[in-house]
Amino acid sequence: MQTVGYRELFGHLAGDLLLEDAVEIIKINTRQYAKRQMTWFKKDEGVLWCEPDFEKLLELIKNAGL
């Protein structure tokens, strides 16, 4: 129940939030969670950051039949 989205959707199902409001809150909470993850990973010197190569990724997906 701590995962981003659960609290908001259950709030909607309980009638406390409109669906549009729940979705907007989920977007905000997701961005905030991602920012916390980035901050945490920046402290770890063992993490190797690299730029994604979307062309290679698309080719891998095509070759995998996905």
C-alpha atoms as a PDB file:
ATOM      1  CA  MET A   1       0.000   0.000   0.000  1.00  0.00           C
ATOM      2  CA  GLN A   2       3.058   2.300   0.036  1.00  0.00           C
ATOM      3  CA  THR A   3       3.593   2.187  -3.720  1.00  0.00           C
ATOM      4  CA  VAL A   4       2.940   5.356  -5.694  1.00  0.00           C
ATOM      5  CA  GLY A   5      -0.589   5.213  -7.057  1.00  0.00           C
ATOM      6  CA  TYR A   6      -2.282   2.894  -4.594  1.00  0.00           C
ATOM      7  CA  ARG A   7      -3.302   5.538  -2.059  1.00  0.00           C
ATOM      8  CA  GLU A   8      -4.542   7.836  -4.801  1.00  0.00           C
ATOM      9  CA  LEU A   9      -6.573   5.196  -6.622  1.00  0.00           C
ATOM     10  CA  PHE A  10      -8.082   3.901  -3.402  1.00  0.00           C
ATOM     11  CA  GLY A  11      -8.967   7.517  -2.594  1.00  0.00           C
ATOM     12  CA  HIS A  12     -10.759   7.692  -5.925  1.00  0.00           C
ATOM     13  CA  LEU A  13     -12.552   4.379  -5.361  1.00  0.00           C
ATOM     14  CA  ALA A  14     -13.651   5.553  -1.910  1.00  0.00           C
ATOM     15  CA  GLY A  15     -15.136   8.660  -3.492  1.00  0.00           C
ATOM     16  CA  ASP A  16     -12.652  11.086  -1.916  1.00  0.00           C
ATOM     17  CA  LEU A  17     -10.940  12.041  -5.215  1.00  0.00           C
ATOM     18  CA  LEU A  18     -12.046  12.545  -8.776  1.00  0.00           C
ATOM     19  CA  LEU A  19     -10.201  10.284 -11.207  1.00  0.00           C
ATOM     20  CA  GLU A  20      -8.562  13.281 -12.887  1.00  0.00           C
ATOM     21  CA  ASP A  21      -7.307  14.544  -9.514  1.00  0.00           C
ATOM     22  CA  ALA A  22      -5.997  11.098  -8.569  1.00  0.00           C
ATOM     23  CA  VAL A  23      -4.095  10.837 -11.862  1.00  0.00           C
ATOM     24  CA  GLU A  24      -2.588  14.307 -11.385  1.00  0.00           C
ATOM     25  CA  ILE A  25      -1.474  13.461  -7.832  1.00  0.00           C
ATOM     26  CA  ILE A  26       0.046  10.195  -9.072  1.00  0.00           C
ATOM     27  CA  LYS A  27       2.053  12.136 -11.673  1.00  0.00           C
ATOM     28  CA  ILE A  28       3.339  14.567  -9.041  1.00  0.00           C
ATOM     29  CA  ASN A  29       4.218  11.793  -6.583  1.00  0.00           C
ATOM     30  CA  THR A  30       5.960   9.792  -9.314  1.00  0.00           C
ATOM     31  CA  ARG A  31       8.157  12.770 -10.235  1.00  0.00           C
ATOM     32  CA  GLN A  32       9.010  13.378  -6.575  1.00  0.00           C
ATOM     33  CA  TYR A  33       9.893   9.700  -6.078  1.00  0.00           C
ATOM     34  CA  ALA A  34      12.115   9.707  -9.178  1.00  0.00           C
ATOM     35  CA  LYS A  35      13.932  12.810  -7.905  1.00  0.00           C
ATOM     36  CA  ARG A  36      14.587  11.090  -4.562  1.00  0.00           C
ATOM     37  CA  GLN A  37      15.956   8.048  -6.392  1.00  0.00           C
ATOM     38  CA  MET A  38      18.282  10.229  -8.483  1.00  0.00           C
ATOM     39  CA  THR A  39      19.573  11.949  -5.346  1.00  0.00           C
ATOM     40  CA  TRP A  40      20.198   8.577  -3.704  1.00  0.00           C
ATOM     41  CA  PHE A  41      21.972   7.116  -6.753  1.00  0.00           C
ATOM     42  CA  LYS A  42      24.195  10.189  -7.150  1.00  0.00           C
ATOM     43  CA  LYS A  43      25.718   9.371  -3.750  1.00  0.00           C
ATOM     44  CA  ASP A  44      26.716   5.870  -4.907  1.00  0.00           C
ATOM     45  CA  GLU A  45      30.081   6.048  -6.651  1.00  0.00           C
ATOM     46  CA  GLY A  46      29.598   2.536  -8.024  1.00  0.00           C
ATOM     47  CA  VAL A  47      26.770   3.605 -10.339  1.00  0.00           C
ATOM     48  CA  LEU A  48      27.839   4.039 -13.960  1.00  0.00           C
ATOM     49  CA  TRP A  49      25.655   6.519 -15.835  1.00  0.00           C
ATOM     50  CA  CYS A  50      25.314   6.351 -19.591  1.00  0.00           C
ATOM     51  CA  GLU A  51      23.141   7.865 -22.290  1.00  0.00           C
ATOM     52  CA  PRO A  52      20.554   5.529 -23.817  1.00  0.00           C
ATOM     53  CA  ASP A  53      20.902   4.665 -27.476  1.00  0.00           C
ATOM     54  CA  PHE A  54      17.297   4.600 -28.644  1.00  0.00           C
ATOM     55  CA  GLU A  55      18.119   3.343 -32.121  1.00  0.00           C
ATOM     56  CA  LYS A  56      19.873   0.267 -30.695  1.00  0.00           C
ATOM     57  CA  LEU A  57      17.049  -0.227 -28.224  1.00  0.00           C
ATOM     58  CA  LEU A  58      14.437  -0.146 -30.985  1.00  0.00           C
ATOM     59  CA  GLU A  59      16.481  -2.608 -33.027  1.00  0.00           C
ATOM     60  CA  LEU A  60      16.709  -4.979 -30.037  1.00  0.00           C
ATOM     61  CA  ILE A  61      12.936  -4.779 -29.561  1.00  0.00           C
ATOM     62  CA  LYS A  62      12.296  -5.454 -33.250  1.00  0.00           C
ATOM     63  CA  ASN A  63      14.677  -8.424 -33.251  1.00  0.00           C
ATOM     64  CA  ALA A  64      13.054  -9.838 -30.110  1.00  0.00           C
ATOM     65  CA  GLY A  65       9.675  -9.797 -31.826  1.00  0.00           C
ATOM     66  CA  LEU A  66       8.123  -7.459 -29.258  1.00  0.00           C
END
